[in-house]
């Protein structure tokens, strides 16, 4: 659920500001688990 919810939220704010995933310089996700961080990045294209 964390991966799904965070990925959806990231895509929402990216759309709101008109950024592509490739535009992002820094993804600061909640530091719960390294696998979650990497999976959120992968799903969102960052």
ModelCIF file with pLDDT and N, C-alpha, C, O atoms, coordinates in Angstrom:
data_MODEL
#
_entry.id   MODEL 
#
_entity.id                         1 
_entity.type                       polymer 
_entity.pdbx_number_of_molecules   1 
#
_entity_poly.entity_id                      1 
_entity_poly.type                           'polypeptide(L)' 
_entity_poly.nstd_linkage                   no 
_entity_poly.nstd_monomer                   no 
_entity_poly.pdbx_seq_one_letter_code       
;(UNK)(UNK)(UNK)(UNK)(UNK)(UNK)(UNK)(UNK)(UNK)(UNK)(UNK)(UNK)(UNK)(UNK)(UNK)(UNK)
(UNK)(UNK)(UNK)(UNK)(UNK)(UNK)(UNK)(UNK)(UNK)(UNK)(UNK)(UNK)(UNK)(UNK)(UNK)(UNK)
(UNK)(UNK)(UNK)(UNK)(UNK)(UNK)(UNK)(UNK)(UNK)(UNK)(UNK)(UNK)(UNK)(UNK)
;
_entity_poly.pdbx_seq_one_letter_code_can   XXXXXXXXXXXXXXXXXXXXXXXXXXXXXXXXXXXXXXXXXXXXXX 
_entity_poly.pdbx_strand_id                 A 
#
loop_
_entity_poly_seq.entity_id 
_entity_poly_seq.num 
_entity_poly_seq.mon_id 
_entity_poly_seq.hetero 
1 1  UNK n 
1 2  UNK n 
1 3  UNK n 
1 4  UNK n 
1 5  UNK n 
1 6  UNK n 
1 7  UNK n 
1 8  UNK n 
1 9  UNK n 
1 10 UNK n 
1 11 UNK n 
1 12 UNK n 
1 13 UNK n 
1 14 UNK n 
1 15 UNK n 
1 16 UNK n 
1 17 UNK n 
1 18 UNK n 
1 19 UNK n 
1 20 UNK n 
1 21 UNK n 
1 22 UNK n 
1 23 UNK n 
1 24 UNK n 
1 25 UNK n 
1 26 UNK n 
1 27 UNK n 
1 28 UNK n 
1 29 UNK n 
1 30 UNK n 
1 31 UNK n 
1 32 UNK n 
1 33 UNK n 
1 34 UNK n 
1 35 UNK n 
1 36 UNK n 
1 37 UNK n 
1 38 UNK n 
1 39 UNK n 
1 40 UNK n 
1 41 UNK n 
1 42 UNK n 
1 43 UNK n 
1 44 UNK n 
1 45 UNK n 
1 46 UNK n 
#
_struct_asym.id          A 
_struct_asym.entity_id   1 
#
loop_
_ma_qa_metric.id 
_ma_qa_metric.mode 
_ma_qa_metric.name 
_ma_qa_metric.software_group_id 
_ma_qa_metric.type 
1 global pLDDT . pLDDT 
2 local  pLDDT . pLDDT 
#
_ma_qa_metric_global.metric_id      1 
_ma_qa_metric_global.metric_value   97.07 
_ma_qa_metric_global.model_id       1 
_ma_qa_metric_global.ordinal_id     1 
#
loop_
_ma_qa_metric_local.label_asym_id 
_ma_qa_metric_local.label_comp_id 
_ma_qa_metric_local.label_seq_id 
_ma_qa_metric_local.metric_id 
_ma_qa_metric_local.metric_value 
_ma_qa_metric_local.model_id 
_ma_qa_metric_local.ordinal_id 
A UNK 1  2 97.00 1 1  
A UNK 2  2 97.00 1 2  
A UNK 3  2 97.00 1 3  
A UNK 4  2 97.00 1 4  
A UNK 5  2 98.00 1 5  
A UNK 6  2 98.00 1 6  
A UNK 7  2 98.00 1 7  
A UNK 8  2 98.00 1 8  
A UNK 9  2 98.00 1 9  
A UNK 10 2 98.00 1 10 
A UNK 11 2 98.00 1 11 
A UNK 12 2 98.00 1 12 
A UNK 13 2 98.00 1 13 
A UNK 14 2 98.00 1 14 
A UNK 15 2 98.00 1 15 
A UNK 16 2 98.00 1 16 
A UNK 17 2 98.00 1 17 
A UNK 18 2 98.00 1 18 
A UNK 19 2 98.00 1 19 
A UNK 20 2 97.00 1 20 
A UNK 21 2 97.00 1 21 
A UNK 22 2 96.00 1 22 
A UNK 23 2 97.00 1 23 
A UNK 24 2 98.00 1 24 
A UNK 25 2 97.00 1 25 
A UNK 26 2 97.00 1 26 
A UNK 27 2 98.00 1 27 
A UNK 28 2 98.00 1 28 
A UNK 29 2 98.00 1 29 
A UNK 30 2 97.00 1 30 
A UNK 31 2 97.00 1 31 
A UNK 32 2 94.00 1 32 
A UNK 33 2 93.00 1 33 
A UNK 34 2 95.00 1 34 
A UNK 35 2 94.00 1 35 
A UNK 36 2 96.00 1 36 
A UNK 37 2 96.00 1 37 
A UNK 38 2 96.00 1 38 
A UNK 39 2 97.00 1 39 
A UNK 40 2 97.00 1 40 
A UNK 41 2 97.00 1 41 
A UNK 42 2 96.00 1 42 
A UNK 43 2 97.00 1 43 
A UNK 44 2 98.00 1 44 
A UNK 45 2 97.00 1 45 
A UNK 46 2 97.00 1 46 
#
loop_
_atom_site.group_PDB 
_atom_site.id 
_atom_site.type_symbol 
_atom_site.label_atom_id 
_atom_site.label_alt_id 
_atom_site.label_comp_id 
_atom_site.label_asym_id 
_atom_site.label_entity_id 
_atom_site.label_seq_id 
_atom_site.pdbx_PDB_ins_code 
_atom_site.Cartn_x 
_atom_site.Cartn_y 
_atom_site.Cartn_z 
_atom_site.occupancy 
_atom_site.B_iso_or_equiv 
_atom_site.pdbx_formal_charge 
_atom_site.auth_seq_id 
_atom_site.auth_comp_id 
_atom_site.auth_asym_id 
_atom_site.auth_atom_id 
_atom_site.pdbx_PDB_model_num 
ATOM 1   N N  . UNK A 1 1  ? 0.818  -1.211 0.000   1.00 97.00 ? 1  UNK A N  1 
ATOM 2   C CA . UNK A 1 1  ? 0.000  0.000  0.000   1.00 97.00 ? 1  UNK A CA 1 
ATOM 3   C C  . UNK A 1 1  ? 0.853  1.263  0.000   1.00 97.00 ? 1  UNK A C  1 
ATOM 4   O O  . UNK A 1 1  ? 0.486  2.263  -0.617  1.00 97.00 ? 1  UNK A O  1 
ATOM 5   N N  . UNK A 1 2  ? 1.988  1.219  0.689   1.00 97.00 ? 2  UNK A N  1 
ATOM 6   C CA . UNK A 1 2  ? 2.865  2.391  0.729   1.00 97.00 ? 2  UNK A CA 1 
ATOM 7   C C  . UNK A 1 2  ? 3.388  2.726  -0.658  1.00 97.00 ? 2  UNK A C  1 
ATOM 8   O O  . UNK A 1 2  ? 3.384  3.888  -1.065  1.00 97.00 ? 2  UNK A O  1 
ATOM 9   N N  . UNK A 1 3  ? 3.834  1.722  -1.376  1.00 97.00 ? 3  UNK A N  1 
ATOM 10  C CA . UNK A 1 3  ? 4.354  1.956  -2.727  1.00 97.00 ? 3  UNK A CA 1 
ATOM 11  C C  . UNK A 1 3  ? 3.258  2.531  -3.622  1.00 97.00 ? 3  UNK A C  1 
ATOM 12  O O  . UNK A 1 3  ? 3.491  3.505  -4.338  1.00 97.00 ? 3  UNK A O  1 
ATOM 13  N N  . UNK A 1 4  ? 2.068  1.936  -3.587  1.00 97.00 ? 4  UNK A N  1 
ATOM 14  C CA . UNK A 1 4  ? 0.972  2.404  -4.427  1.00 97.00 ? 4  UNK A CA 1 
ATOM 15  C C  . UNK A 1 4  ? 0.549  3.822  -4.077  1.00 97.00 ? 4  UNK A C  1 
ATOM 16  O O  . UNK A 1 4  ? 0.389  4.665  -4.960  1.00 97.00 ? 4  UNK A O  1 
ATOM 17  N N  . UNK A 1 5  ? 0.366  4.085  -2.780  1.00 98.00 ? 5  UNK A N  1 
ATOM 18  C CA . UNK A 1 5  ? -0.137 5.397  -2.352  1.00 98.00 ? 5  UNK A CA 1 
ATOM 19  C C  . UNK A 1 5  ? 0.887  6.502  -2.608  1.00 98.00 ? 5  UNK A C  1 
ATOM 20  O O  . UNK A 1 5  ? 0.538  7.571  -3.110  1.00 98.00 ? 5  UNK A O  1 
ATOM 21  N N  . UNK A 1 6  ? 2.148  6.245  -2.262  1.00 98.00 ? 6  UNK A N  1 
ATOM 22  C CA . UNK A 1 6  ? 3.164  7.277  -2.478  1.00 98.00 ? 6  UNK A CA 1 
ATOM 23  C C  . UNK A 1 6  ? 3.379  7.530  -3.961  1.00 98.00 ? 6  UNK A C  1 
ATOM 24  O O  . UNK A 1 6  ? 3.541  8.678  -4.375  1.00 98.00 ? 6  UNK A O  1 
ATOM 25  N N  . UNK A 1 7  ? 3.384  6.474  -4.767  1.00 98.00 ? 7  UNK A N  1 
ATOM 26  C CA . UNK A 1 7  ? 3.571  6.649  -6.210  1.00 98.00 ? 7  UNK A CA 1 
ATOM 27  C C  . UNK A 1 7  ? 2.442  7.482  -6.804  1.00 98.00 ? 7  UNK A C  1 
ATOM 28  O O  . UNK A 1 7  ? 2.691  8.384  -7.604  1.00 98.00 ? 7  UNK A O  1 
ATOM 29  N N  . UNK A 1 8  ? 1.202  7.185  -6.418  1.00 98.00 ? 8  UNK A N  1 
ATOM 30  C CA . UNK A 1 8  ? 0.068  7.961  -6.915  1.00 98.00 ? 8  UNK A CA 1 
ATOM 31  C C  . UNK A 1 8  ? 0.174  9.427  -6.504  1.00 98.00 ? 8  UNK A C  1 
ATOM 32  O O  . UNK A 1 8  ? -0.119 10.323 -7.296  1.00 98.00 ? 8  UNK A O  1 
ATOM 33  N N  . UNK A 1 9  ? 0.593  9.665  -5.261  1.00 98.00 ? 9  UNK A N  1 
ATOM 34  C CA . UNK A 1 9  ? 0.722  11.039 -4.768  1.00 98.00 ? 9  UNK A CA 1 
ATOM 35  C C  . UNK A 1 9  ? 1.808  11.799 -5.520  1.00 98.00 ? 9  UNK A C  1 
ATOM 36  O O  . UNK A 1 9  ? 1.636  12.965 -5.873  1.00 98.00 ? 9  UNK A O  1 
ATOM 37  N N  . UNK A 1 10 ? 2.925  11.122 -5.760  1.00 98.00 ? 10 UNK A N  1 
ATOM 38  C CA . UNK A 1 10 ? 4.013  11.752 -6.513  1.00 98.00 ? 10 UNK A CA 1 
ATOM 39  C C  . UNK A 1 10 ? 3.528  12.138 -7.907  1.00 98.00 ? 10 UNK A C  1 
ATOM 40  O O  . UNK A 1 10 ? 3.784  13.249 -8.371  1.00 98.00 ? 10 UNK A O  1 
ATOM 41  N N  . UNK A 1 11 ? 2.828  11.222 -8.573  1.00 98.00 ? 11 UNK A N  1 
ATOM 42  C CA . UNK A 1 11 ? 2.347  11.513 -9.921  1.00 98.00 ? 11 UNK A CA 1 
ATOM 43  C C  . UNK A 1 11 ? 1.337  12.660 -9.919  1.00 98.00 ? 11 UNK A C  1 
ATOM 44  O O  . UNK A 1 11 ? 1.270  13.431 -10.875 1.00 98.00 ? 11 UNK A O  1 
ATOM 45  N N  . UNK A 1 12 ? 0.553  12.772 -8.849  1.00 98.00 ? 12 UNK A N  1 
ATOM 46  C CA . UNK A 1 12 ? -0.411 13.871 -8.745  1.00 98.00 ? 12 UNK A CA 1 
ATOM 47  C C  . UNK A 1 12 ? 0.281  15.216 -8.673  1.00 98.00 ? 12 UNK A C  1 
ATOM 48  O O  . UNK A 1 12 ? -0.069 16.130 -9.420  1.00 98.00 ? 12 UNK A O  1 
ATOM 49  N N  . UNK A 1 13 ? 1.272  15.359 -7.774  1.00 98.00 ? 13 UNK A N  1 
ATOM 50  C CA . UNK A 1 13 ? 1.921  16.663 -7.649  1.00 98.00 ? 13 UNK A CA 1 
ATOM 51  C C  . UNK A 1 13 ? 2.806  16.970 -8.847  1.00 98.00 ? 13 UNK A C  1 
ATOM 52  O O  . UNK A 1 13 ? 2.977  18.135 -9.204  1.00 98.00 ? 13 UNK A O  1 
ATOM 53  N N  . UNK A 1 14 ? 3.373  15.938 -9.474  1.00 98.00 ? 14 UNK A N  1 
ATOM 54  C CA . UNK A 1 14 ? 4.125  16.180 -10.711 1.00 98.00 ? 14 UNK A CA 1 
ATOM 55  C C  . UNK A 1 14 ? 3.215  16.792 -11.769 1.00 98.00 ? 14 UNK A C  1 
ATOM 56  O O  . UNK A 1 14 ? 3.589  17.753 -12.441 1.00 98.00 ? 14 UNK A O  1 
ATOM 57  N N  . UNK A 1 15 ? 2.021  16.230 -11.910 1.00 98.00 ? 15 UNK A N  1 
ATOM 58  C CA . UNK A 1 15 ? 1.065  16.766 -12.880 1.00 98.00 ? 15 UNK A CA 1 
ATOM 59  C C  . UNK A 1 15 ? 0.641  18.181 -12.520 1.00 98.00 ? 15 UNK A C  1 
ATOM 60  O O  . UNK A 1 15 ? 0.466  19.029 -13.395 1.00 98.00 ? 15 UNK A O  1 
ATOM 61  N N  . UNK A 1 16 ? 0.475  18.431 -11.207 1.00 98.00 ? 16 UNK A N  1 
ATOM 62  C CA . UNK A 1 16 ? 0.025  19.752 -10.762 1.00 98.00 ? 16 UNK A CA 1 
ATOM 63  C C  . UNK A 1 16 ? 1.028  20.850 -11.078 1.00 98.00 ? 16 UNK A C  1 
ATOM 64  O O  . UNK A 1 16 ? 0.637  21.986 -11.347 1.00 98.00 ? 16 UNK A O  1 
ATOM 65  N N  . UNK A 1 17 ? 2.316  20.527 -11.050 1.00 98.00 ? 17 UNK A N  1 
ATOM 66  C CA . UNK A 1 17 ? 3.338  21.552 -11.326 1.00 98.00 ? 17 UNK A CA 1 
ATOM 67  C C  . UNK A 1 17 ? 3.908  21.441 -12.730 1.00 98.00 ? 17 UNK A C  1 
ATOM 68  O O  . UNK A 1 17 ? 4.750  22.249 -13.122 1.00 98.00 ? 17 UNK A O  1 
ATOM 69  N N  . UNK A 1 18 ? 3.457  20.443 -13.497 1.00 98.00 ? 18 UNK A N  1 
ATOM 70  C CA . UNK A 1 18 ? 3.908  20.320 -14.873 1.00 98.00 ? 18 UNK A CA 1 
ATOM 71  C C  . UNK A 1 18 ? 5.318  19.788 -15.041 1.00 98.00 ? 18 UNK A C  1 
ATOM 72  O O  . UNK A 1 18 ? 5.990  20.097 -16.025 1.00 98.00 ? 18 UNK A O  1 
ATOM 73  N N  . UNK A 1 19 ? 5.776  18.974 -14.064 1.00 98.00 ? 19 UNK A N  1 
ATOM 74  C CA . UNK A 1 19 ? 7.099  18.369 -14.173 1.00 98.00 ? 19 UNK A CA 1 
ATOM 75  C C  . UNK A 1 19 ? 6.979  16.942 -14.682 1.00 98.00 ? 19 UNK A C  1 
ATOM 76  O O  . UNK A 1 19 ? 6.013  16.243 -14.372 1.00 98.00 ? 19 UNK A O  1 
ATOM 77  N N  . UNK A 1 20 ? 7.951  16.517 -15.454 1.00 97.00 ? 20 UNK A N  1 
ATOM 78  C CA . UNK A 1 20 ? 8.098  15.109 -15.792 1.00 97.00 ? 20 UNK A CA 1 
ATOM 79  C C  . UNK A 1 20 ? 8.943  14.445 -14.716 1.00 97.00 ? 20 UNK A C  1 
ATOM 80  O O  . UNK A 1 20 ? 9.678  15.116 -13.992 1.00 97.00 ? 20 UNK A O  1 
ATOM 81  N N  . UNK A 1 21 ? 8.837  13.125 -14.612 1.00 97.00 ? 21 UNK A N  1 
ATOM 82  C CA . UNK A 1 21 ? 9.648  12.406 -13.629 1.00 97.00 ? 21 UNK A CA 1 
ATOM 83  C C  . UNK A 1 21 ? 11.133 12.668 -13.843 1.00 97.00 ? 21 UNK A C  1 
ATOM 84  O O  . UNK A 1 21 ? 11.903 12.738 -12.886 1.00 97.00 ? 21 UNK A O  1 
ATOM 85  N N  . UNK A 1 22 ? 11.528 12.810 -15.097 1.00 96.00 ? 22 UNK A N  1 
ATOM 86  C CA . UNK A 1 22 ? 12.936 13.051 -15.413 1.00 96.00 ? 22 UNK A CA 1 
ATOM 87  C C  . UNK A 1 22 ? 13.417 14.432 -14.979 1.00 96.00 ? 22 UNK A C  1 
ATOM 88  O O  . UNK A 1 22 ? 14.621 14.680 -14.918 1.00 96.00 ? 22 UNK A O  1 
ATOM 89  N N  . UNK A 1 23 ? 12.474 15.339 -14.677 1.00 97.00 ? 23 UNK A N  1 
ATOM 90  C CA . UNK A 1 23 ? 12.840 16.680 -14.213 1.00 97.00 ? 23 UNK A CA 1 
ATOM 91  C C  . UNK A 1 23 ? 13.253 16.692 -12.747 1.00 97.00 ? 23 UNK A C  1 
ATOM 92  O O  . UNK A 1 23 ? 13.930 17.620 -12.306 1.00 97.00 ? 23 UNK A O  1 
ATOM 93  N N  . UNK A 1 24 ? 12.855 15.671 -11.984 1.00 98.00 ? 24 UNK A N  1 
ATOM 94  C CA . UNK A 1 24 ? 13.054 15.673 -10.538 1.00 98.00 ? 24 UNK A CA 1 
ATOM 95  C C  . UNK A 1 24 ? 14.532 15.494 -10.196 1.00 98.00 ? 24 UNK A C  1 
ATOM 96  O O  . UNK A 1 24 ? 15.190 14.568 -10.669 1.00 98.00 ? 24 UNK A O  1 
ATOM 97  N N  . UNK A 1 25 ? 15.031 16.400 -9.368  1.00 97.00 ? 25 UNK A N  1 
ATOM 98  C CA . UNK A 1 25 ? 16.425 16.331 -8.927  1.00 97.00 ? 25 UNK A CA 1 
ATOM 99  C C  . UNK A 1 25 ? 16.577 15.552 -7.638  1.00 97.00 ? 25 UNK A C  1 
ATOM 100 O O  . UNK A 1 25 ? 17.639 14.988 -7.375  1.00 97.00 ? 25 UNK A O  1 
ATOM 101 N N  . UNK A 1 26 ? 15.517 15.513 -6.819  1.00 97.00 ? 26 UNK A N  1 
ATOM 102 C CA . UNK A 1 26 ? 15.612 14.858 -5.506  1.00 97.00 ? 26 UNK A CA 1 
ATOM 103 C C  . UNK A 1 26 ? 14.252 14.317 -5.101  1.00 97.00 ? 26 UNK A C  1 
ATOM 104 O O  . UNK A 1 26 ? 13.266 15.053 -5.065  1.00 97.00 ? 26 UNK A O  1 
ATOM 105 N N  . UNK A 1 27 ? 14.206 13.016 -4.794  1.00 98.00 ? 27 UNK A N  1 
ATOM 106 C CA . UNK A 1 27 ? 13.010 12.383 -4.245  1.00 98.00 ? 27 UNK A CA 1 
ATOM 107 C C  . UNK A 1 27 ? 13.273 12.109 -2.774  1.00 98.00 ? 27 UNK A C  1 
ATOM 108 O O  . UNK A 1 27 ? 14.119 11.285 -2.428  1.00 98.00 ? 27 UNK A O  1 
ATOM 109 N N  . UNK A 1 28 ? 12.540 12.806 -1.909  1.00 98.00 ? 28 UNK A N  1 
ATOM 110 C CA . UNK A 1 28 ? 12.695 12.612 -0.468  1.00 98.00 ? 28 UNK A CA 1 
ATOM 111 C C  . UNK A 1 28 ? 11.452 11.884 0.025   1.00 98.00 ? 28 UNK A C  1 
ATOM 112 O O  . UNK A 1 28 ? 10.470 12.500 0.439   1.00 98.00 ? 28 UNK A O  1 
ATOM 113 N N  . UNK A 1 29 ? 11.520 10.561 -0.030  1.00 98.00 ? 29 UNK A N  1 
ATOM 114 C CA . UNK A 1 29 ? 10.415 9.735  0.430   1.00 98.00 ? 29 UNK A CA 1 
ATOM 115 C C  . UNK A 1 29 ? 10.620 9.378  1.897   1.00 98.00 ? 29 UNK A C  1 
ATOM 116 O O  . UNK A 1 29 ? 11.745 9.361  2.396   1.00 98.00 ? 29 UNK A O  1 
ATOM 117 N N  . UNK A 1 30 ? 9.515  9.093  2.578   1.00 97.00 ? 30 UNK A N  1 
ATOM 118 C CA . UNK A 1 30 ? 9.613  8.644  3.966   1.00 97.00 ? 30 UNK A CA 1 
ATOM 119 C C  . UNK A 1 30 ? 10.608 7.500  4.058   1.00 97.00 ? 30 UNK A C  1 
ATOM 120 O O  . UNK A 1 30 ? 10.544 6.542  3.287   1.00 97.00 ? 30 UNK A O  1 
ATOM 121 N N  . UNK A 1 31 ? 11.527 7.609  5.008   1.00 97.00 ? 31 UNK A N  1 
ATOM 122 C CA . UNK A 1 31 ? 12.635 6.667  5.130   1.00 97.00 ? 31 UNK A CA 1 
ATOM 123 C C  . UNK A 1 31 ? 12.220 5.444  5.943   1.00 97.00 ? 31 UNK A C  1 
ATOM 124 O O  . UNK A 1 31 ? 12.641 5.265  7.086   1.00 97.00 ? 31 UNK A O  1 
ATOM 125 N N  . UNK A 1 32 ? 11.385 4.608  5.328   1.00 94.00 ? 32 UNK A N  1 
ATOM 126 C CA . UNK A 1 32 ? 10.868 3.427  6.018   1.00 94.00 ? 32 UNK A CA 1 
ATOM 127 C C  . UNK A 1 32 ? 11.698 2.194  5.723   1.00 94.00 ? 32 UNK A C  1 
ATOM 128 O O  . UNK A 1 32 ? 11.958 1.379  6.608   1.00 94.00 ? 32 UNK A O  1 
ATOM 129 N N  . UNK A 1 33 ? 12.108 2.067  4.482   1.00 93.00 ? 33 UNK A N  1 
ATOM 130 C CA . UNK A 1 33 ? 12.699 0.826  4.014   1.00 93.00 ? 33 UNK A CA 1 
ATOM 131 C C  . UNK A 1 33 ? 13.334 1.130  2.658   1.00 93.00 ? 33 UNK A C  1 
ATOM 132 O O  . UNK A 1 33 ? 12.705 1.764  1.810   1.00 93.00 ? 33 UNK A O  1 
ATOM 133 N N  . UNK A 1 34 ? 14.559 0.690  2.448   1.00 95.00 ? 34 UNK A N  1 
ATOM 134 C CA . UNK A 1 34 ? 15.260 1.004  1.205   1.00 95.00 ? 34 UNK A CA 1 
ATOM 135 C C  . UNK A 1 34 ? 14.536 0.422  -0.006  1.00 95.00 ? 34 UNK A C  1 
ATOM 136 O O  . UNK A 1 34 ? 14.532 1.029  -1.077  1.00 95.00 ? 34 UNK A O  1 
ATOM 137 N N  . UNK A 1 35 ? 13.930 -0.742 0.156   1.00 94.00 ? 35 UNK A N  1 
ATOM 138 C CA . UNK A 1 35 ? 13.212 -1.341 -0.962  1.00 94.00 ? 35 UNK A CA 1 
ATOM 139 C C  . UNK A 1 35 ? 11.997 -0.496 -1.355  1.00 94.00 ? 35 UNK A C  1 
ATOM 140 O O  . UNK A 1 35 ? 11.672 -0.379 -2.537  1.00 94.00 ? 35 UNK A O  1 
ATOM 141 N N  . UNK A 1 36 ? 11.332 0.090  -0.359  1.00 96.00 ? 36 UNK A N  1 
ATOM 142 C CA . UNK A 1 36 ? 10.197 0.970  -0.663  1.00 96.00 ? 36 UNK A CA 1 
ATOM 143 C C  . UNK A 1 36 ? 10.679 2.204  -1.422  1.00 96.00 ? 36 UNK A C  1 
ATOM 144 O O  . UNK A 1 36 ? 10.059 2.609  -2.406  1.00 96.00 ? 36 UNK A O  1 
ATOM 145 N N  . UNK A 1 37 ? 11.780 2.803  -0.972  1.00 96.00 ? 37 UNK A N  1 
ATOM 146 C CA . UNK A 1 37 ? 12.303 3.997  -1.643  1.00 96.00 ? 37 UNK A CA 1 
ATOM 147 C C  . UNK A 1 37 ? 12.607 3.692  -3.106  1.00 96.00 ? 37 UNK A C  1 
ATOM 148 O O  . UNK A 1 37 ? 12.212 4.444  -3.997  1.00 96.00 ? 37 UNK A O  1 
ATOM 149 N N  . UNK A 1 38 ? 13.302 2.599  -3.347  1.00 96.00 ? 38 UNK A N  1 
ATOM 150 C CA . UNK A 1 38 ? 13.691 2.263  -4.708  1.00 96.00 ? 38 UNK A CA 1 
ATOM 151 C C  . UNK A 1 38 ? 12.494 1.893  -5.571  1.00 96.00 ? 38 UNK A C  1 
ATOM 152 O O  . UNK A 1 38 ? 12.464 2.204  -6.762  1.00 96.00 ? 38 UNK A O  1 
ATOM 153 N N  . UNK A 1 39 ? 11.503 1.226  -4.971  1.00 97.00 ? 39 UNK A N  1 
ATOM 154 C CA . UNK A 1 39 ? 10.325 0.828  -5.746  1.00 97.00 ? 39 UNK A CA 1 
ATOM 155 C C  . UNK A 1 39 ? 9.480  2.035  -6.118  1.00 97.00 ? 39 UNK A C  1 
ATOM 156 O O  . UNK A 1 39 ? 8.980  2.107  -7.240  1.00 97.00 ? 39 UNK A O  1 
ATOM 157 N N  . UNK A 1 40 ? 9.305  2.996  -5.194  1.00 97.00 ? 40 UNK A N  1 
ATOM 158 C CA . UNK A 1 40 ? 8.569  4.216  -5.518  1.00 97.00 ? 40 UNK A CA 1 
ATOM 159 C C  . UNK A 1 40 ? 9.257  4.961  -6.657  1.00 97.00 ? 40 UNK A C  1 
ATOM 160 O O  . UNK A 1 40 ? 8.598  5.446  -7.576  1.00 97.00 ? 40 UNK A O  1 
ATOM 161 N N  . UNK A 1 41 ? 10.580 5.047  -6.591  1.00 97.00 ? 41 UNK A N  1 
ATOM 162 C CA . UNK A 1 41 ? 11.320 5.698  -7.676  1.00 97.00 ? 41 UNK A CA 1 
ATOM 163 C C  . UNK A 1 41 ? 11.075 4.977  -8.995  1.00 97.00 ? 41 UNK A C  1 
ATOM 164 O O  . UNK A 1 41 ? 10.829 5.615  -10.019 1.00 97.00 ? 41 UNK A O  1 
ATOM 165 N N  . UNK A 1 42 ? 11.143 3.655  -8.972  1.00 96.00 ? 42 UNK A N  1 
ATOM 166 C CA . UNK A 1 42 ? 10.962 2.873  -10.195 1.00 96.00 ? 42 UNK A CA 1 
ATOM 167 C C  . UNK A 1 42 ? 9.562  3.041  -10.771 1.00 96.00 ? 42 UNK A C  1 
ATOM 168 O O  . UNK A 1 42 ? 9.406  3.242  -11.975 1.00 96.00 ? 42 UNK A O  1 
ATOM 169 N N  . UNK A 1 43 ? 8.547  2.961  -9.920  1.00 97.00 ? 43 UNK A N  1 
ATOM 170 C CA . UNK A 1 43 ? 7.162  3.056  -10.392 1.00 97.00 ? 43 UNK A CA 1 
ATOM 171 C C  . UNK A 1 43 ? 6.873  4.428  -10.995 1.00 97.00 ? 43 UNK A C  1 
ATOM 172 O O  . UNK A 1 43 ? 6.161  4.525  -11.994 1.00 97.00 ? 43 UNK A O  1 
ATOM 173 N N  . UNK A 1 44 ? 7.417  5.483  -10.402 1.00 98.00 ? 44 UNK A N  1 
ATOM 174 C CA . UNK A 1 44 ? 7.144  6.840  -10.869 1.00 98.00 ? 44 UNK A CA 1 
ATOM 175 C C  . UNK A 1 44 ? 8.052  7.275  -12.002 1.00 98.00 ? 44 UNK A C  1 
ATOM 176 O O  . UNK A 1 44 ? 7.814  8.310  -12.625 1.00 98.00 ? 44 UNK A O  1 
ATOM 177 N N  . UNK A 1 45 ? 9.091  6.499  -12.276 1.00 97.00 ? 45 UNK A N  1 
ATOM 178 C CA . UNK A 1 45 ? 10.011 6.853  -13.348 1.00 97.00 ? 45 UNK A CA 1 
ATOM 179 C C  . UNK A 1 45 ? 11.120 7.792  -12.934 1.00 97.00 ? 45 UNK A C  1 
ATOM 180 O O  . UNK A 1 45 ? 11.862 8.289  -13.781 1.00 97.00 ? 45 UNK A O  1 
ATOM 181 N N  . UNK A 1 46 ? 11.244 8.044  -11.641 1.00 97.00 ? 46 UNK A N  1 
ATOM 182 C CA . UNK A 1 46 ? 12.338 8.868  -11.128 1.00 97.00 ? 46 UNK A CA 1 
ATOM 183 C C  . UNK A 1 46 ? 13.555 7.963  -10.927 1.00 97.00 ? 46 UNK A C  1 
ATOM 184 O O  . UNK A 1 46 ? 14.609 8.432  -10.498 1.00 97.00 ? 46 UNK A O  1 
#
